[in-house]
Amino acid sequence: MICLSETISLRLPRETLRKLGELADKEGKDRSTLIRELLERGVKEKDIDYAVELYRKGRVTGWRATQLAGVSLWNFYDVLGEKGILIQYSEQDLEEDLRGLTEE
């Protein structure tokens, strides 16, 4: 049998637990479901932040950053705009983007 999830334990401040309980009640969910959703959203945000940082430093192209972040190119460009980061696009980036399109 394949285990698709794993149980973990963590310590949280009482105030955080109280707020989680309130949010779960508002949304009609159990606390575990809400925590899973919040963690998944946080991991996704971290992936995007990591890709943005690599892109900002010029270590990856826009196309590669979208792959790392798991979002579309347009969504990634929206995130860059929200963070005030200019889009850097070179001839090399164009070539990589075209290669990426033909590989899909």
PDB file of N, CA and C in Angstrom:
ATOM      1  N   MET A   1       0.833  -1.180   0.000  1.00  0.00           N
ATOM      2  CA  MET A   1       0.000   0.000   0.000  1.00  0.00           C
ATOM      3  C   MET A   1       0.883   1.251   0.000  1.00  0.00           C
ATOM      4  N   ILE A   2       0.552   2.211  -0.843  1.00  0.00           N
ATOM      5  CA  ILE A   2       1.320   3.453  -0.947  1.00  0.00           C
ATOM      6  C   ILE A   2       0.707   4.500  -0.029  1.00  0.00           C
ATOM      7  N   CYS A   3       1.537   5.097   0.800  1.00  0.00           N
ATOM      8  CA  CYS A   3       1.084   6.156   1.704  1.00  0.00           C
ATOM      9  C   CYS A   3       1.262   7.501   1.003  1.00  0.00           C
ATOM     10  N   LEU A   4       0.155   8.194   0.759  1.00  0.00           N
ATOM     11  CA  LEU A   4       0.215   9.464   0.054  1.00  0.00           C
ATOM     12  C   LEU A   4       0.368  10.654   0.984  1.00  0.00           C
ATOM     13  N   SER A   5       0.272  10.412   2.270  1.00  0.00           N
ATOM     14  CA  SER A   5       0.454  11.501   3.221  1.00  0.00           C
ATOM     15  C   SER A   5       1.187  10.972   4.442  1.00  0.00           C
ATOM     16  N   GLU A   6       1.613  11.913   5.257  1.00  0.00           N
ATOM     17  CA  GLU A   6       2.359  11.559   6.456  1.00  0.00           C
ATOM     18  C   GLU A   6       1.874  12.444   7.589  1.00  0.00           C
ATOM     19  N   THR A   7       1.780  11.897   8.748  1.00  0.00           N
ATOM     20  CA  THR A   7       1.343  12.645   9.914  1.00  0.00           C
ATOM     21  C   THR A   7       2.546  13.320  10.549  1.00  0.00           C
ATOM     22  N   ILE A   8       2.374  14.591  10.894  1.00  0.00           N
ATOM     23  CA  ILE A   8       3.421  15.321  11.606  1.00  0.00           C
ATOM     24  C   ILE A   8       2.805  15.967  12.839  1.00  0.00           C
ATOM     25  N   SER A   9       3.646  16.368  13.749  1.00  0.00           N
ATOM     26  CA  SER A   9       3.158  17.128  14.898  1.00  0.00           C
ATOM     27  C   SER A   9       3.995  18.394  15.000  1.00  0.00           C
ATOM     28  N   LEU A  10       3.359  19.445  15.494  1.00  0.00           N
ATOM     29  CA  LEU A  10       4.081  20.698  15.678  1.00  0.00           C
ATOM     30  C   LEU A  10       3.469  21.462  16.834  1.00  0.00           C
ATOM     31  N   ARG A  11       4.250  22.334  17.376  1.00  0.00           N
ATOM     32  CA  ARG A  11       3.789  23.155  18.493  1.00  0.00           C
ATOM     33  C   ARG A  11       3.418  24.536  17.953  1.00  0.00           C
ATOM     34  N   LEU A  12       2.233  24.987  18.338  1.00  0.00           N
ATOM     35  CA  LEU A  12       1.762  26.303  17.917  1.00  0.00           C
ATOM     36  C   LEU A  12       1.329  27.090  19.149  1.00  0.00           C
ATOM     37  N   PRO A  13       1.516  28.395  19.106  1.00  0.00           N
ATOM     38  CA  PRO A  13       1.033  29.222  20.211  1.00  0.00           C
ATOM     39  C   PRO A  13      -0.491  29.097  20.355  1.00  0.00           C
ATOM     40  N   ARG A  14      -0.971  29.245  21.565  1.00  0.00           N
ATOM     41  CA  ARG A  14      -2.418  29.136  21.825  1.00  0.00           C
ATOM     42  C   ARG A  14      -3.224  30.117  20.965  1.00  0.00           C
ATOM     43  N   GLU A  15      -2.697  31.312  20.790  1.00  0.00           N
ATOM     44  CA  GLU A  15      -3.414  32.319  19.992  1.00  0.00           C
ATOM     45  C   GLU A  15      -3.570  31.856  18.542  1.00  0.00           C
ATOM     46  N   THR A  16      -2.527  31.249  17.986  1.00  0.00           N
ATOM     47  CA  THR A  16      -2.601  30.729  16.624  1.00  0.00           C
ATOM     48  C   THR A  16      -3.639  29.612  16.542  1.00  0.00           C
ATOM     49  N   LEU A  17      -3.651  28.739  17.524  1.00  0.00           N
ATOM     50  CA  LEU A  17      -4.641  27.657  17.554  1.00  0.00           C
ATOM     51  C   LEU A  17      -6.058  28.205  17.645  1.00  0.00           C
ATOM     52  N   ARG A  18      -6.228  29.248  18.444  1.00  0.00           N
ATOM     53  CA  ARG A  18      -7.551  29.869  18.576  1.00  0.00           C
ATOM     54  C   ARG A  18      -8.013  30.431  17.240  1.00  0.00           C
ATOM     55  N   LYS A  19      -7.086  31.149  16.560  1.00  0.00           N
ATOM     56  CA  LYS A  19      -7.427  31.732  15.264  1.00  0.00           C
ATOM     57  C   LYS A  19      -7.719  30.657  14.222  1.00  0.00           C
ATOM     58  N   LEU A  20      -6.948  29.573  14.248  1.00  0.00           N
ATOM     59  CA  LEU A  20      -7.201  28.470  13.322  1.00  0.00           C
ATOM     60  C   LEU A  20      -8.580  27.875  13.567  1.00  0.00           C
ATOM     61  N   GLY A  21      -8.941  27.725  14.821  1.00  0.00           N
ATOM     62  CA  GLY A  21     -10.269  27.205  15.158  1.00  0.00           C
ATOM     63  C   GLY A  21     -11.373  28.119  14.660  1.00  0.00           C
ATOM     64  N   GLU A  22     -11.196  29.421  14.837  1.00  0.00           N
ATOM     65  CA  GLU A  22     -12.194  30.391  14.367  1.00  0.00           C
ATOM     66  C   GLU A  22     -12.338  30.344  12.845  1.00  0.00           C
ATOM     67  N   LEU A  23     -11.195  30.322  12.147  1.00  0.00           N
ATOM     68  CA  LEU A  23     -11.239  30.260  10.683  1.00  0.00           C
ATOM     69  C   LEU A  23     -11.900  28.970  10.202  1.00  0.00           C
ATOM     70  N   ALA A  24     -11.559  27.863  10.842  1.00  0.00           N
ATOM     71  CA  ALA A  24     -12.150  26.583  10.456  1.00  0.00           C
ATOM     72  C   ALA A  24     -13.668  26.629  10.638  1.00  0.00           C
ATOM     73  N   ASP A  25     -14.118  27.197  11.740  1.00  0.00           N
ATOM     74  CA  ASP A  25     -15.559  27.315  11.982  1.00  0.00           C
ATOM     75  C   ASP A  25     -16.226  28.189  10.928  1.00  0.00           C
ATOM     76  N   LYS A  26     -15.598  29.334  10.609  1.00  0.00           N
ATOM     77  CA  LYS A  26     -16.158  30.245   9.600  1.00  0.00           C
ATOM     78  C   LYS A  26     -16.305  29.560   8.247  1.00  0.00           C
ATOM     79  N   GLU A  27     -15.333  28.715   7.910  1.00  0.00           N
ATOM     80  CA  GLU A  27     -15.322  28.063   6.605  1.00  0.00           C
ATOM     81  C   GLU A  27     -16.006  26.702   6.617  1.00  0.00           C
ATOM     82  N   GLY A  28     -16.462  26.277   7.788  1.00  0.00           N
ATOM     83  CA  GLY A  28     -17.145  24.993   7.888  1.00  0.00           C
ATOM     84  C   GLY A  28     -16.232  23.809   7.623  1.00  0.00           C
ATOM     85  N   LYS A  29     -14.993  23.923   8.063  1.00  0.00           N
ATOM     86  CA  LYS A  29     -14.004  22.866   7.860  1.00  0.00           C
ATOM     87  C   LYS A  29     -13.464  22.424   9.204  1.00  0.00           C
ATOM     88  N   ASP A  30     -12.883  21.231   9.221  1.00  0.00           N
ATOM     89  CA  ASP A  30     -12.187  20.848  10.445  1.00  0.00           C
ATOM     90  C   ASP A  30     -10.807  21.517  10.435  1.00  0.00           C
ATOM     91  N   ARG A  31     -10.241  21.629  11.596  1.00  0.00           N
ATOM     92  CA  ARG A  31      -8.968  22.353  11.737  1.00  0.00           C
ATOM     93  C   ARG A  31      -7.848  21.726  10.920  1.00  0.00           C
ATOM     94  N   SER A  32      -7.800  20.398  10.845  1.00  0.00           N
ATOM     95  CA  SER A  32      -6.743  19.724  10.085  1.00  0.00           C
ATOM     96  C   SER A  32      -6.813  20.072   8.604  1.00  0.00           C
ATOM     97  N   THR A  33      -8.007  20.103   8.056  1.00  0.00           N
ATOM     98  CA  THR A  33      -8.177  20.457   6.645  1.00  0.00           C
ATOM     99  C   THR A  33      -7.705  21.874   6.390  1.00  0.00           C
ATOM    100  N   LEU A  34      -8.088  22.793   7.262  1.00  0.00           N
ATOM    101  CA  LEU A  34      -7.676  24.186   7.119  1.00  0.00           C
ATOM    102  C   LEU A  34      -6.155  24.316   7.195  1.00  0.00           C
ATOM    103  N   ILE A  35      -5.531  23.635   8.131  1.00  0.00           N
ATOM    104  CA  ILE A  35      -4.072  23.698   8.273  1.00  0.00           C
ATOM    105  C   ILE A  35      -3.391  23.155   7.026  1.00  0.00           C
ATOM    106  N   ARG A  36      -3.902  22.045   6.491  1.00  0.00           N
ATOM    107  CA  ARG A  36      -3.337  21.483   5.246  1.00  0.00           C
ATOM    108  C   ARG A  36      -3.434  22.498   4.112  1.00  0.00           C
ATOM    109  N   GLU A  37      -4.591  23.127   3.961  1.00  0.00           N
ATOM    110  CA  GLU A  37      -4.771  24.124   2.904  1.00  0.00           C
ATOM    111  C   GLU A  37      -3.814  25.298   3.068  1.00  0.00           C
ATOM    112  N   LEU A  38      -3.676  25.769   4.290  1.00  0.00           N
ATOM    113  CA  LEU A  38      -2.775  26.891   4.546  1.00  0.00           C
ATOM    114  C   LEU A  38      -1.321  26.523   4.273  1.00  0.00           C
ATOM    115  N   LEU A  39      -0.922  25.320   4.664  1.00  0.00           N
ATOM    116  CA  LEU A  39       0.445  24.871   4.405  1.00  0.00           C
ATOM    117  C   LEU A  39       0.709  24.727   2.909  1.00  0.00           C
ATOM    118  N   GLU A  40      -0.249  24.162   2.190  1.00  0.00           N
ATOM    119  CA  GLU A  40      -0.083  24.016   0.738  1.00  0.00           C
ATOM    120  C   GLU A  40       0.044  25.382   0.067  1.00  0.00           C
ATOM    121  N   ARG A  41      -0.769  26.337   0.501  1.00  0.00           N
ATOM    122  CA  ARG A  41      -0.687  27.693  -0.045  1.00  0.00           C
ATOM    123  C   ARG A  41       0.664  28.327   0.290  1.00  0.00           C
ATOM    124  N   GLY A  42       1.126  28.117   1.509  1.00  0.00           N
ATOM    125  CA  GLY A  42       2.414  28.670   1.916  1.00  0.00           C
ATOM    126  C   GLY A  42       3.575  28.071   1.143  1.00  0.00           C
ATOM    127  N   VAL A  43       3.523  26.764   0.899  1.00  0.00           N
ATOM    128  CA  VAL A  43       4.578  26.120   0.111  1.00  0.00           C
ATOM    129  C   VAL A  43       4.577  26.668  -1.307  1.00  0.00           C
ATOM    130  N   LYS A  44       3.405  26.857  -1.883  1.00  0.00           N
ATOM    131  CA  LYS A  44       3.291  27.406  -3.238  1.00  0.00           C
ATOM    132  C   LYS A  44       3.894  28.818  -3.279  1.00  0.00           C
ATOM    133  N   GLU A  45       3.573  29.630  -2.279  1.00  0.00           N
ATOM    134  CA  GLU A  45       4.131  30.983  -2.211  1.00  0.00           C
ATOM    135  C   GLU A  45       5.648  30.952  -2.103  1.00  0.00           C
ATOM    136  N   LYS A  46       6.178  30.031  -1.317  1.00  0.00           N
ATOM    137  CA  LYS A  46       7.632  29.905  -1.176  1.00  0.00           C
ATOM    138  C   LYS A  46       8.275  29.520  -2.502  1.00  0.00           C
ATOM    139  N   ASP A  47       7.630  28.605  -3.243  1.00  0.00           N
ATOM    140  CA  ASP A  47       8.139  28.225  -4.569  1.00  0.00           C
ATOM    141  C   ASP A  47       8.211  29.449  -5.478  1.00  0.00           C
ATOM    142  N   ILE A  48       7.162  30.255  -5.455  1.00  0.00           N
ATOM    143  CA  ILE A  48       7.124  31.463  -6.289  1.00  0.00           C
ATOM    144  C   ILE A  48       8.193  32.450  -5.834  1.00  0.00           C
ATOM    145  N   ASP A  49       8.307  32.663  -4.526  1.00  0.00           N
ATOM    146  CA  ASP A  49       9.324  33.586  -4.005  1.00  0.00           C
ATOM    147  C   ASP A  49      10.729  33.152  -4.408  1.00  0.00           C
ATOM    148  N   TYR A  50      10.993  31.854  -4.332  1.00  0.00           N
ATOM    149  CA  TYR A  50      12.294  31.322  -4.714  1.00  0.00           C
ATOM    150  C   TYR A  50      12.570  31.586  -6.197  1.00  0.00           C
ATOM    151  N   ALA A  51      11.582  31.310  -7.038  1.00  0.00           N
ATOM    152  CA  ALA A  51      11.741  31.537  -8.479  1.00  0.00           C
ATOM    153  C   ALA A  51      11.939  33.022  -8.789  1.00  0.00           C
ATOM    154  N   VAL A  52      11.206  33.881  -8.106  1.00  0.00           N
ATOM    155  CA  VAL A  52      11.347  35.330  -8.310  1.00  0.00           C
ATOM    156  C   VAL A  52      12.757  35.776  -7.934  1.00  0.00           C
ATOM    157  N   GLU A  53      13.259  35.272  -6.825  1.00  0.00           N
ATOM    158  CA  GLU A  53      14.597  35.666  -6.382  1.00  0.00           C
ATOM    159  C   GLU A  53      15.668  35.218  -7.380  1.00  0.00           C
ATOM    160  N   LEU A  54      15.555  33.991  -7.869  1.00  0.00           N
ATOM    161  CA  LEU A  54      16.511  33.524  -8.876  1.00  0.00           C
ATOM    162  C   LEU A  54      16.422  34.370 -10.144  1.00  0.00           C
ATOM    163  N   TYR A  55      15.219  34.701 -10.543  1.00  0.00           N
ATOM    164  CA  TYR A  55      15.012  35.521 -11.737  1.00  0.00           C
ATOM    165  C   TYR A  55      15.597  36.921 -11.525  1.00  0.00           C
ATOM    166  N   ARG A  56      15.313  37.501 -10.365  1.00  0.00           N
ATOM    167  CA  ARG A  56      15.803  38.851 -10.053  1.00  0.00           C
ATOM    168  C   ARG A  56      17.324  38.910 -10.103  1.00  0.00           C
ATOM    169  N   LYS A  57      17.974  37.851  -9.654  1.00  0.00           N
ATOM    170  CA  LYS A  57      19.432  37.790  -9.652  1.00  0.00           C
ATOM    171  C   LYS A  57      20.007  37.412 -11.010  1.00  0.00           C
ATOM    172  N   GLY A  58      19.133  37.110 -11.973  1.00  0.00           N
ATOM    173  CA  GLY A  58      19.588  36.752 -13.314  1.00  0.00           C
ATOM    174  C   GLY A  58      20.108  35.330 -13.431  1.00  0.00           C
ATOM    175  N   ARG A  59      19.762  34.490 -12.462  1.00  0.00           N
ATOM    176  CA  ARG A  59      20.247  33.104 -12.472  1.00  0.00           C
ATOM    177  C   ARG A  59      19.386  32.188 -13.328  1.00  0.00           C
ATOM    178  N   VAL A  60      18.126  32.577 -13.570  1.00  0.00           N
ATOM    179  CA  VAL A  60      17.239  31.790 -14.428  1.00  0.00           C
ATOM    180  C   VAL A  60      16.464  32.732 -15.341  1.00  0.00           C
ATOM    181  N   THR A  61      16.006  32.190 -16.454  1.00  0.00           N
ATOM    182  CA  THR A  61      15.165  32.962 -17.373  1.00  0.00           C
ATOM    183  C   THR A  61      13.729  32.954 -16.856  1.00  0.00           C
ATOM    184  N   GLY A  62      12.905  33.774 -17.456  1.00  0.00           N
ATOM    185  CA  GLY A  62      11.492  33.801 -17.090  1.00  0.00           C
ATOM    186  C   GLY A  62      10.844  32.448 -17.275  1.00  0.00           C
ATOM    187  N   TRP A  63      11.165  31.796 -18.387  1.00  0.00           N
ATOM    188  CA  TRP A  63      10.580  30.489 -18.671  1.00  0.00           C
ATOM    189  C   TRP A  63      10.952  29.471 -17.592  1.00  0.00           C
ATOM    190  N   ARG A  64      12.223  29.436 -17.222  1.00  0.00           N
ATOM    191  CA  ARG A  64      12.674  28.493 -16.192  1.00  0.00           C
ATOM    192  C   ARG A  64      12.063  28.839 -14.841  1.00  0.00           C
ATOM    193  N   ALA A  65      11.947  30.124 -14.556  1.00  0.00           N
ATOM    194  CA  ALA A  65      11.359  30.549 -13.283  1.00  0.00           C
ATOM    195  C   ALA A  65       9.905  30.087 -13.176  1.00  0.00           C
ATOM    196  N   THR A  66       9.166  30.135 -14.286  1.00  0.00           N
ATOM    197  CA  THR A  66       7.768  29.689 -14.251  1.00  0.00           C
ATOM    198  C   THR A  66       7.691  28.193 -13.968  1.00  0.00           C
ATOM    199  N   GLN A  67       8.646  27.443 -14.497  1.00  0.00           N
ATOM    200  CA  GLN A  67       8.674  26.006 -14.230  1.00  0.00           C
ATOM    201  C   GLN A  67       8.949  25.738 -12.754  1.00  0.00           C
ATOM    202  N   LEU A  68       9.887  26.481 -12.185  1.00  0.00           N
ATOM    203  CA  LEU A  68      10.208  26.319 -10.768  1.00  0.00           C
ATOM    204  C   LEU A  68       9.028  26.728  -9.879  1.00  0.00           C
ATOM    205  N   ALA A  69       8.334  27.795 -10.286  1.00  0.00           N
ATOM    206  CA  ALA A  69       7.227  28.313  -9.494  1.00  0.00           C
ATOM    207  C   ALA A  69       5.931  27.538  -9.710  1.00  0.00           C
ATOM    208  N   GLY A  70       5.850  26.820 -10.830  1.00  0.00           N
ATOM    209  CA  GLY A  70       4.629  26.079 -11.124  1.00  0.00           C
ATOM    210  C   GLY A  70       3.472  26.961 -11.542  1.00  0.00           C
ATOM    211  N   VAL A  71       3.784  28.090 -12.205  1.00  0.00           N
ATOM    212  CA  VAL A  71       2.747  29.004 -12.687  1.00  0.00           C
ATOM    213  C   VAL A  71       2.990  29.307 -14.159  1.00  0.00           C
ATOM    214  N   SER A  72       1.989  29.907 -14.800  1.00  0.00           N
ATOM    215  CA  SER A  72       2.152  30.282 -16.202  1.00  0.00           C
ATOM    216  C   SER A  72       3.090  31.479 -16.314  1.00  0.00           C
ATOM    217  N   LEU A  73       3.602  31.691 -17.499  1.00  0.00           N
ATOM    218  CA  LEU A  73       4.493  32.834 -17.735  1.00  0.00           C
ATOM    219  C   LEU A  73       3.778  34.143 -17.417  1.00  0.00           C
ATOM    220  N   TRP A  74       2.505  34.253 -17.835  1.00  0.00           N
ATOM    221  CA  TRP A  74       1.763  35.495 -17.585  1.00  0.00           C
ATOM    222  C   TRP A  74       1.536  35.715 -16.100  1.00  0.00           C
ATOM    223  N   ASN A  75       1.228  34.650 -15.379  1.00  0.00           N
ATOM    224  CA  ASN A  75       1.069  34.791 -13.925  1.00  0.00           C
ATOM    225  C   ASN A  75       2.375  35.195 -13.267  1.00  0.00           C
ATOM    226  N   PHE A  76       3.474  34.630 -13.754  1.00  0.00           N
ATOM    227  CA  PHE A  76       4.778  34.977 -13.196  1.00  0.00           C
ATOM    228  C   PHE A  76       5.083  36.450 -13.453  1.00  0.00           C
ATOM    229  N   TYR A  77       4.794  36.911 -14.662  1.00  0.00           N
ATOM    230  CA  TYR A  77       5.020  38.328 -14.968  1.00  0.00           C
ATOM    231  C   TYR A  77       4.139  39.229 -14.100  1.00  0.00           C
ATOM    232  N   ASP A  78       2.921  38.787 -13.796  1.00  0.00           N
ATOM    233  CA  ASP A  78       2.059  39.544 -12.881  1.00  0.00           C
ATOM    234  C   ASP A  78       2.704  39.650 -11.503  1.00  0.00           C
ATOM    235  N   VAL A  79       3.260  38.537 -11.019  1.00  0.00           N
ATOM    236  CA  VAL A  79       3.926  38.540  -9.712  1.00  0.00           C
ATOM    237  C   VAL A  79       5.111  39.499  -9.732  1.00  0.00           C
ATOM    238  N   LEU A  80       5.888  39.465 -10.815  1.00  0.00           N
ATOM    239  CA  LEU A  80       7.025  40.387 -10.921  1.00  0.00           C
ATOM    240  C   LEU A  80       6.544  41.835 -10.834  1.00  0.00           C
ATOM    241  N   GLY A  81       5.463  42.139 -11.548  1.00  0.00           N
ATOM    242  CA  GLY A  81       4.913  43.492 -11.517  1.00  0.00           C
ATOM    243  C   GLY A  81       4.477  43.898 -10.117  1.00  0.00           C
ATOM    244  N   GLU A  82       3.820  42.973  -9.410  1.00  0.00           N
ATOM    245  CA  GLU A  82       3.378  43.254  -8.043  1.00  0.00           C
ATOM    246  C   GLU A  82       4.556  43.533  -7.123  1.00  0.00           C
ATOM    247  N   LYS A  83       5.679  42.893  -7.388  1.00  0.00           N
ATOM    248  CA  LYS A  83       6.872  43.065  -6.555  1.00  0.00           C
ATOM    249  C   LYS A  83       7.782  44.185  -7.056  1.00  0.00           C
ATOM    250  N   GLY A  84       7.369  44.846  -8.152  1.00  0.00           N
ATOM    251  CA  GLY A  84       8.158  45.948  -8.694  1.00  0.00           C
ATOM    252  C   GLY A  84       9.445  45.517  -9.362  1.00  0.00           C
ATOM    253  N   ILE A  85       9.471  44.288  -9.880  1.00  0.00           N
ATOM    254  CA  ILE A  85      10.666  43.762 -10.548  1.00  0.00           C
ATOM    255  C   ILE A  85      10.460  43.862 -12.052  1.00  0.00           C
ATOM    256  N   LEU A  86      11.409  44.498 -12.726  1.00  0.00           N
ATOM    257  CA  LEU A  86      11.308  44.653 -14.170  1.00  0.00           C
ATOM    258  C   LEU A  86      11.549  43.326 -14.876  1.00  0.00           C
ATOM    259  N   ILE A  87      10.825  43.137 -15.958  1.00  0.00           N
ATOM    260  CA  ILE A  87      11.001  41.932 -16.767  1.00  0.00           C
ATOM    261  C   ILE A  87      12.287  42.084 -17.561  1.00  0.00           C
ATOM    262  N   GLN A  88      13.139  41.072 -17.442  1.00  0.00           N
ATOM    263  CA  GLN A  88      14.406  41.052 -18.174  1.00  0.00           C
ATOM    264  C   GLN A  88      14.240  40.022 -19.286  1.00  0.00           C
ATOM    265  N   TYR A  89      14.407  40.449 -20.523  1.00  0.00           N
ATOM    266  CA  TYR A  89      14.184  39.511 -21.622  1.00  0.00           C
ATOM    267  C   TYR A  89      15.252  39.728 -22.678  1.00  0.00           C
ATOM    268  N   SER A  90      16.079  38.719 -22.871  1.00  0.00           N
ATOM    269  CA  SER A  90      17.185  38.812 -23.810  1.00  0.00           C
ATOM    270  C   SER A  90      16.936  37.882 -24.994  1.00  0.00           C
ATOM    271  N   GLU A  91      17.824  37.933 -25.943  1.00  0.00           N
ATOM    272  CA  GLU A  91      17.735  37.031 -27.091  1.00  0.00           C
ATOM    273  C   GLU A  91      17.867  35.578 -26.621  1.00  0.00           C
ATOM    274  N   GLN A  92      18.726  35.348 -25.644  1.00  0.00           N
ATOM    275  CA  GLN A  92      18.891  33.998 -25.086  1.00  0.00           C
ATOM    276  C   GLN A  92      17.584  33.525 -24.441  1.00  0.00           C
ATOM    277  N   ASP A  93      16.887  34.432 -23.745  1.00  0.00           N
ATOM    278  CA  ASP A  93      15.606  34.081 -23.148  1.00  0.00           C
ATOM    279  C   ASP A  93      14.599  33.672 -24.219  1.00  0.00           C
ATOM    280  N   LEU A  94      14.574  34.418 -25.311  1.00  0.00           N
ATOM    281  CA  LEU A  94      13.671  34.089 -26.408  1.00  0.00           C
ATOM    282  C   LEU A  94      13.963  32.694 -26.945  1.00  0.00           C
ATOM    283  N   GLU A  95      15.236  32.393 -27.144  1.00  0.00           N
ATOM    284  CA  GLU A  95      15.610  31.072 -27.650  1.00  0.00           C
ATOM    285  C   GLU A  95      15.167  29.969 -26.685  1.00  0.00           C
ATOM    286  N   GLU A  96      15.367  30.182 -25.379  1.00  0.00           N
ATOM    287  CA  GLU A  96      14.951  29.188 -24.403  1.00  0.00           C
ATOM    288  C   GLU A  96      13.428  29.027 -24.386  1.00  0.00           C
ATOM    289  N   ASP A  97      12.721  30.156 -24.482  1.00  0.00           N
ATOM    290  CA  ASP A  97      11.262  30.103 -24.505  1.00  0.00           C
ATOM    291  C   ASP A  97      10.770  29.320 -25.714  1.00  0.00           C
ATOM    292  N   LEU A  98      11.376  29.545 -26.868  1.00  0.00           N
ATOM    293  CA  LEU A  98      10.973  28.823 -28.071  1.00  0.00           C
ATOM    294  C   LEU A  98      11.267  27.340 -27.940  1.00  0.00           C
ATOM    295  N   ARG A  99      12.399  26.993 -27.344  1.00  0.00           N
ATOM    296  CA  ARG A  99      12.710  25.581 -27.109  1.00  0.00           C
ATOM    297  C   ARG A  99      11.680  24.959 -26.167  1.00  0.00           C
ATOM    298  N   GLY A 100      11.313  25.715 -25.143  1.00  0.00           N
ATOM    299  CA  GLY A 100      10.330  25.232 -24.189  1.00  0.00           C
ATOM    300  C   GLY A 100       8.972  24.990 -24.819  1.00  0.00           C
ATOM    301  N   LEU A 101       8.593  25.849 -25.740  1.00  0.00           N
ATOM    302  CA  LEU A 101       7.315  25.684 -26.422  1.00  0.00           C
ATOM    303  C   LEU A 101       7.301  24.439 -27.306  1.00  0.00           C
ATOM    304  N   THR A 102       8.413  24.152 -27.954  1.00  0.00           N
ATOM    305  CA  THR A 102       8.448  22.995 -28.839  1.00  0.00           C
ATOM    306  C   THR A 102       8.555  21.693 -28.064  1.00  0.00           C
ATOM    307  N   GLU A 103       9.011  21.753 -26.821  1.00  0.00           N
ATOM    308  CA  GLU A 103       9.126  20.542 -26.000  1.00  0.00           C
ATOM    309  C   GLU A 103       7.787  20.127 -25.412  1.00  0.00           C
ATOM    310  N   GLU A 104       6.847  21.047 -25.299  1.00  0.00           N
ATOM    311  CA  GLU A 104       5.543  20.724 -24.670  1.00  0.00           C
ATOM    312  C   GLU A 104       4.626  20.034 -25.614  1.00  0.00           C
TER     313      GLU A 104
END
